[in-house]
N, C-alpha and C. Protein backbone atom coordinates (compact mmCIF):
# COMPACT_ATOMS: atom_id res chain seq x y z
N UNK A 1 13.03 -3.51 8.29
CA UNK A 1 12.94 -4.10 6.98
C UNK A 1 13.87 -3.41 6.00
N UNK A 2 13.99 -2.08 6.06
CA UNK A 2 14.78 -1.36 5.13
C UNK A 2 16.26 -1.72 5.31
N UNK A 3 16.68 -1.91 6.50
CA UNK A 3 18.08 -2.23 6.80
C UNK A 3 18.51 -3.49 6.10
N UNK A 4 17.67 -4.50 6.02
CA UNK A 4 18.04 -5.75 5.43
C UNK A 4 17.73 -5.84 3.91
N UNK A 5 17.11 -4.80 3.40
CA UNK A 5 16.74 -4.77 1.94
C UNK A 5 17.98 -4.38 1.13
N UNK A 6 18.18 -5.12 0.04
CA UNK A 6 19.27 -4.78 -0.87
C UNK A 6 19.08 -3.40 -1.54
N UNK A 7 20.15 -2.68 -1.74
CA UNK A 7 20.09 -1.39 -2.40
C UNK A 7 19.42 -1.57 -3.73
N UNK A 8 18.43 -0.77 -4.02
CA UNK A 8 17.67 -0.83 -5.29
C UNK A 8 16.55 -1.84 -5.22
N UNK A 9 16.45 -2.60 -4.10
CA UNK A 9 15.40 -3.59 -3.95
C UNK A 9 14.07 -2.97 -3.60
N UNK A 10 12.98 -3.68 -3.85
CA UNK A 10 11.65 -3.18 -3.64
C UNK A 10 10.99 -3.84 -2.46
N UNK A 11 10.23 -3.06 -1.75
CA UNK A 11 9.46 -3.52 -0.61
C UNK A 11 7.98 -3.29 -0.94
N UNK A 12 7.19 -4.34 -0.82
CA UNK A 12 5.73 -4.25 -1.15
C UNK A 12 4.94 -4.31 0.20
N UNK A 13 4.18 -3.28 0.43
CA UNK A 13 3.37 -3.22 1.64
C UNK A 13 1.91 -3.25 1.25
N UNK A 14 1.14 -4.05 1.89
CA UNK A 14 -0.29 -4.17 1.62
C UNK A 14 -1.02 -3.89 2.97
N UNK A 15 -1.95 -2.94 2.96
CA UNK A 15 -2.67 -2.62 4.18
C UNK A 15 -4.06 -2.18 3.86
N UNK A 16 -4.95 -2.33 4.88
CA UNK A 16 -6.32 -1.90 4.75
C UNK A 16 -6.40 -0.40 4.61
N UNK A 17 -7.42 0.08 3.90
CA UNK A 17 -7.60 1.51 3.69
C UNK A 17 -8.04 2.20 4.98
N UNK A 18 -8.84 1.50 5.77
CA UNK A 18 -9.38 2.03 7.03
C UNK A 18 -8.88 1.22 8.14
N UNK A 19 -8.45 1.84 9.25
CA UNK A 19 -8.04 1.12 10.46
C UNK A 19 -9.22 0.57 11.22
N UNK A 20 -8.90 -0.27 12.21
CA UNK A 20 -9.98 -0.82 13.06
C UNK A 20 -10.54 0.27 13.95
N UNK A 21 -11.88 0.41 13.97
CA UNK A 21 -12.43 1.39 14.89
C UNK A 21 -12.21 0.94 16.33
N UNK A 22 -12.07 1.95 17.20
CA UNK A 22 -11.89 1.77 18.66
C UNK A 22 -10.57 1.04 19.00
N UNK A 23 -9.65 0.99 18.09
CA UNK A 23 -8.35 0.38 18.40
C UNK A 23 -7.23 1.33 17.90
N UNK A 24 -6.65 2.04 18.79
CA UNK A 24 -5.62 3.03 18.39
C UNK A 24 -4.32 2.39 17.94
N UNK A 25 -4.14 1.10 18.28
CA UNK A 25 -2.87 0.39 17.89
C UNK A 25 -2.88 0.03 16.42
N UNK A 26 -4.04 -0.16 15.82
CA UNK A 26 -4.12 -0.56 14.41
C UNK A 26 -4.64 0.63 13.61
N UNK A 27 -3.76 1.26 12.85
CA UNK A 27 -4.13 2.35 11.97
C UNK A 27 -3.73 2.01 10.56
N UNK A 28 -4.51 2.49 9.64
CA UNK A 28 -4.20 2.25 8.20
C UNK A 28 -3.02 3.10 7.81
N UNK A 29 -2.33 2.65 6.76
CA UNK A 29 -1.15 3.38 6.22
C UNK A 29 -1.66 4.65 5.50
N UNK A 30 -0.94 5.71 5.74
CA UNK A 30 -1.13 6.96 4.99
C UNK A 30 0.24 7.35 4.49
N UNK A 31 0.30 8.29 3.57
CA UNK A 31 1.60 8.73 3.10
C UNK A 31 2.46 9.28 4.25
N UNK A 32 1.84 9.95 5.19
CA UNK A 32 2.59 10.49 6.33
C UNK A 32 3.17 9.40 7.16
N UNK A 33 2.41 8.33 7.44
CA UNK A 33 2.92 7.20 8.23
C UNK A 33 4.03 6.46 7.48
N UNK A 34 3.87 6.30 6.15
CA UNK A 34 4.91 5.66 5.38
C UNK A 34 6.23 6.43 5.48
N UNK A 35 6.13 7.81 5.40
CA UNK A 35 7.34 8.60 5.45
C UNK A 35 8.00 8.44 6.79
N UNK A 36 7.19 8.40 7.87
CA UNK A 36 7.75 8.26 9.22
C UNK A 36 8.33 6.90 9.47
N UNK A 37 7.65 5.84 9.07
CA UNK A 37 8.10 4.48 9.34
C UNK A 37 9.21 3.96 8.45
N UNK A 38 9.17 4.37 7.16
CA UNK A 38 10.10 3.80 6.19
C UNK A 38 11.02 4.83 5.53
N UNK A 39 11.08 6.03 6.07
CA UNK A 39 11.99 7.04 5.57
C UNK A 39 11.83 7.36 4.10
N UNK A 40 10.57 7.52 3.65
CA UNK A 40 10.33 7.87 2.24
C UNK A 40 10.98 9.23 2.00
N UNK A 41 11.79 9.33 0.94
CA UNK A 41 12.50 10.56 0.59
C UNK A 41 13.93 10.55 1.11
N UNK A 42 14.21 9.79 2.16
CA UNK A 42 15.56 9.72 2.74
C UNK A 42 16.23 8.38 2.46
N UNK A 43 15.56 7.28 2.86
CA UNK A 43 16.09 5.94 2.67
C UNK A 43 15.39 5.21 1.50
N UNK A 44 14.16 5.58 1.25
CA UNK A 44 13.38 4.94 0.19
C UNK A 44 12.65 5.94 -0.66
N UNK A 45 12.15 5.49 -1.74
CA UNK A 45 11.30 6.29 -2.59
C UNK A 45 10.00 5.49 -2.88
N UNK A 46 8.90 6.20 -2.84
CA UNK A 46 7.62 5.57 -3.13
C UNK A 46 7.44 5.46 -4.63
N UNK A 47 7.46 4.27 -5.20
CA UNK A 47 7.41 4.10 -6.64
C UNK A 47 6.01 3.85 -7.12
N UNK A 48 5.09 3.53 -6.28
CA UNK A 48 3.70 3.30 -6.73
C UNK A 48 2.71 2.99 -5.63
N UNK A 49 1.49 3.41 -5.85
CA UNK A 49 0.36 3.09 -4.97
C UNK A 49 -0.69 2.46 -5.87
N UNK A 50 -1.12 1.28 -5.55
CA UNK A 50 -2.08 0.55 -6.39
C UNK A 50 -3.25 0.10 -5.54
N UNK A 51 -4.40 -0.05 -6.20
CA UNK A 51 -5.57 -0.57 -5.55
C UNK A 51 -5.43 -2.05 -5.34
N UNK A 52 -5.78 -2.50 -4.16
CA UNK A 52 -5.79 -3.93 -3.88
C UNK A 52 -7.15 -4.49 -4.09
N UNK A 53 -7.52 -5.59 -3.37
CA UNK A 53 -8.83 -6.23 -3.58
C UNK A 53 -9.96 -5.34 -3.05
N UNK A 54 -11.14 -5.65 -3.51
CA UNK A 54 -12.32 -4.94 -3.04
C UNK A 54 -12.65 -5.36 -1.62
N UNK A 55 -13.55 -4.57 -0.98
CA UNK A 55 -14.05 -4.94 0.36
C UNK A 55 -14.62 -6.31 0.27
N UNK A 56 -14.29 -7.20 1.24
CA UNK A 56 -14.64 -8.66 1.11
C UNK A 56 -16.09 -8.99 0.75
N UNK A 57 -17.15 -8.38 1.36
CA UNK A 57 -18.49 -8.76 0.94
C UNK A 57 -18.78 -8.50 -0.53
N UNK A 58 -18.31 -7.34 -1.01
CA UNK A 58 -18.54 -6.99 -2.40
C UNK A 58 -17.64 -7.85 -3.34
N UNK A 59 -16.44 -8.06 -2.95
CA UNK A 59 -15.54 -8.87 -3.73
C UNK A 59 -16.03 -10.32 -3.88
N UNK A 60 -16.49 -10.89 -2.75
CA UNK A 60 -17.02 -12.26 -2.83
C UNK A 60 -18.28 -12.36 -3.73
N UNK A 61 -19.14 -11.39 -3.61
CA UNK A 61 -20.35 -11.37 -4.43
C UNK A 61 -19.99 -11.30 -5.91
N UNK A 62 -19.12 -10.34 -6.28
CA UNK A 62 -18.76 -10.20 -7.70
C UNK A 62 -17.97 -11.39 -8.21
N UNK A 63 -17.10 -11.94 -7.41
CA UNK A 63 -16.29 -13.12 -7.86
C UNK A 63 -17.17 -14.32 -8.12
N UNK A 64 -18.21 -14.50 -7.32
CA UNK A 64 -19.09 -15.67 -7.45
C UNK A 64 -20.08 -15.50 -8.61
N UNK A 65 -20.60 -14.28 -8.78
CA UNK A 65 -21.75 -14.09 -9.67
C UNK A 65 -21.39 -13.34 -10.97
N UNK A 66 -20.52 -12.37 -10.88
CA UNK A 66 -20.15 -11.58 -12.04
C UNK A 66 -18.60 -11.34 -12.08
N UNK A 67 -17.86 -12.42 -12.26
CA UNK A 67 -16.39 -12.26 -12.20
C UNK A 67 -15.83 -11.30 -13.23
N UNK A 68 -16.45 -11.14 -14.34
CA UNK A 68 -15.94 -10.24 -15.39
C UNK A 68 -16.08 -8.77 -14.94
N UNK A 69 -16.88 -8.50 -13.93
CA UNK A 69 -17.12 -7.16 -13.53
C UNK A 69 -16.16 -6.69 -12.38
N UNK A 70 -15.50 -7.63 -11.74
CA UNK A 70 -14.67 -7.38 -10.55
C UNK A 70 -13.65 -6.25 -10.80
N UNK A 71 -12.86 -6.38 -11.84
CA UNK A 71 -11.76 -5.39 -12.06
C UNK A 71 -12.33 -4.06 -12.55
N UNK A 72 -13.44 -4.03 -13.24
CA UNK A 72 -14.05 -2.78 -13.63
C UNK A 72 -14.54 -2.04 -12.39
N UNK A 73 -15.15 -2.73 -11.43
CA UNK A 73 -15.60 -2.07 -10.22
C UNK A 73 -14.38 -1.60 -9.44
N UNK A 74 -13.35 -2.36 -9.42
CA UNK A 74 -12.11 -2.00 -8.68
C UNK A 74 -11.52 -0.73 -9.26
N UNK A 75 -11.59 -0.59 -10.60
CA UNK A 75 -11.01 0.62 -11.24
C UNK A 75 -11.88 1.82 -11.15
N UNK A 76 -13.18 1.67 -11.41
CA UNK A 76 -14.07 2.82 -11.49
C UNK A 76 -14.77 3.18 -10.19
N UNK A 77 -14.66 2.38 -9.21
CA UNK A 77 -15.29 2.64 -7.88
C UNK A 77 -14.21 2.48 -6.78
N UNK A 78 -13.18 3.42 -6.71
CA UNK A 78 -12.13 3.23 -5.76
C UNK A 78 -12.56 3.26 -4.31
N UNK A 79 -13.74 3.80 -4.00
CA UNK A 79 -14.25 3.79 -2.63
C UNK A 79 -14.62 2.40 -2.16
N UNK A 80 -14.76 1.43 -3.09
CA UNK A 80 -15.06 0.06 -2.73
C UNK A 80 -13.79 -0.80 -2.50
N UNK A 81 -12.64 -0.20 -2.73
CA UNK A 81 -11.36 -0.93 -2.56
C UNK A 81 -11.08 -1.00 -1.06
N UNK A 82 -10.76 -2.21 -0.58
CA UNK A 82 -10.53 -2.39 0.83
C UNK A 82 -9.06 -2.29 1.23
N UNK A 83 -8.16 -2.50 0.25
CA UNK A 83 -6.73 -2.46 0.56
C UNK A 83 -5.98 -1.66 -0.46
N UNK A 84 -4.84 -1.17 -0.06
CA UNK A 84 -3.94 -0.45 -0.97
C UNK A 84 -2.56 -1.14 -0.95
N UNK A 85 -1.91 -1.13 -2.06
CA UNK A 85 -0.57 -1.72 -2.17
C UNK A 85 0.44 -0.58 -2.43
N UNK A 86 1.42 -0.49 -1.57
CA UNK A 86 2.46 0.52 -1.64
C UNK A 86 3.77 -0.18 -2.06
N UNK A 87 4.46 0.38 -3.03
CA UNK A 87 5.76 -0.18 -3.49
C UNK A 87 6.83 0.88 -3.21
N UNK A 88 7.77 0.45 -2.33
CA UNK A 88 8.92 1.29 -1.95
C UNK A 88 10.20 0.73 -2.56
N UNK A 89 11.08 1.61 -2.96
CA UNK A 89 12.40 1.17 -3.47
C UNK A 89 13.50 1.80 -2.64
N UNK A 90 14.44 0.99 -2.22
CA UNK A 90 15.51 1.47 -1.33
C UNK A 90 16.50 2.27 -2.20
N UNK A 91 16.85 3.45 -1.67
CA UNK A 91 17.83 4.30 -2.33
C UNK A 91 19.25 3.83 -2.03
N UNK A 92 20.17 4.23 -2.87
CA UNK A 92 21.59 3.91 -2.60
C UNK A 92 22.05 4.78 -1.44
N UNK A 93 23.13 4.30 -0.78
CA UNK A 93 23.63 5.04 0.37
C UNK A 93 24.11 6.44 0.02
N UNK A 94 24.57 6.67 -1.18
CA UNK A 94 25.07 7.96 -1.59
C UNK A 94 23.89 8.96 -1.72
N UNK A 95 22.79 8.51 -2.24
CA UNK A 95 21.62 9.35 -2.41
C UNK A 95 20.89 9.62 -1.10
N UNK A 96 21.03 8.69 -0.16
CA UNK A 96 20.29 8.88 1.13
C UNK A 96 21.00 9.77 2.10
N UNK A 97 22.25 10.14 1.83
CA UNK A 97 22.98 11.03 2.73
C UNK A 97 22.46 12.47 2.64
N UNK A 98 22.35 13.18 3.74
CA UNK A 98 21.89 14.60 3.68
C UNK A 98 22.87 15.42 2.90
N UNK A 99 22.40 16.39 2.16
CA UNK A 99 23.25 17.25 1.32
C UNK A 99 23.39 18.63 1.89
């Protein structure tokens, strides 16, 4: 993905906070995995990490019954967030070269 991204362009990654249990192939993103997979610090820079939607059962309940409370719960109860959004920005070729 990074190879085809325009210099200065942004890449948005959305992934679950917790991987699937009993499945080693599906693991959640961590900063360490982002650095390994997308060259954070060399080819890209991590510009932001944001909370995504709440865990589906809680999100559905709040959306249907108390929609005004959804974003407050998302902000003040980060342990109920089911996904994270990572924003990466591609560095220029001059900055990505080793010094």
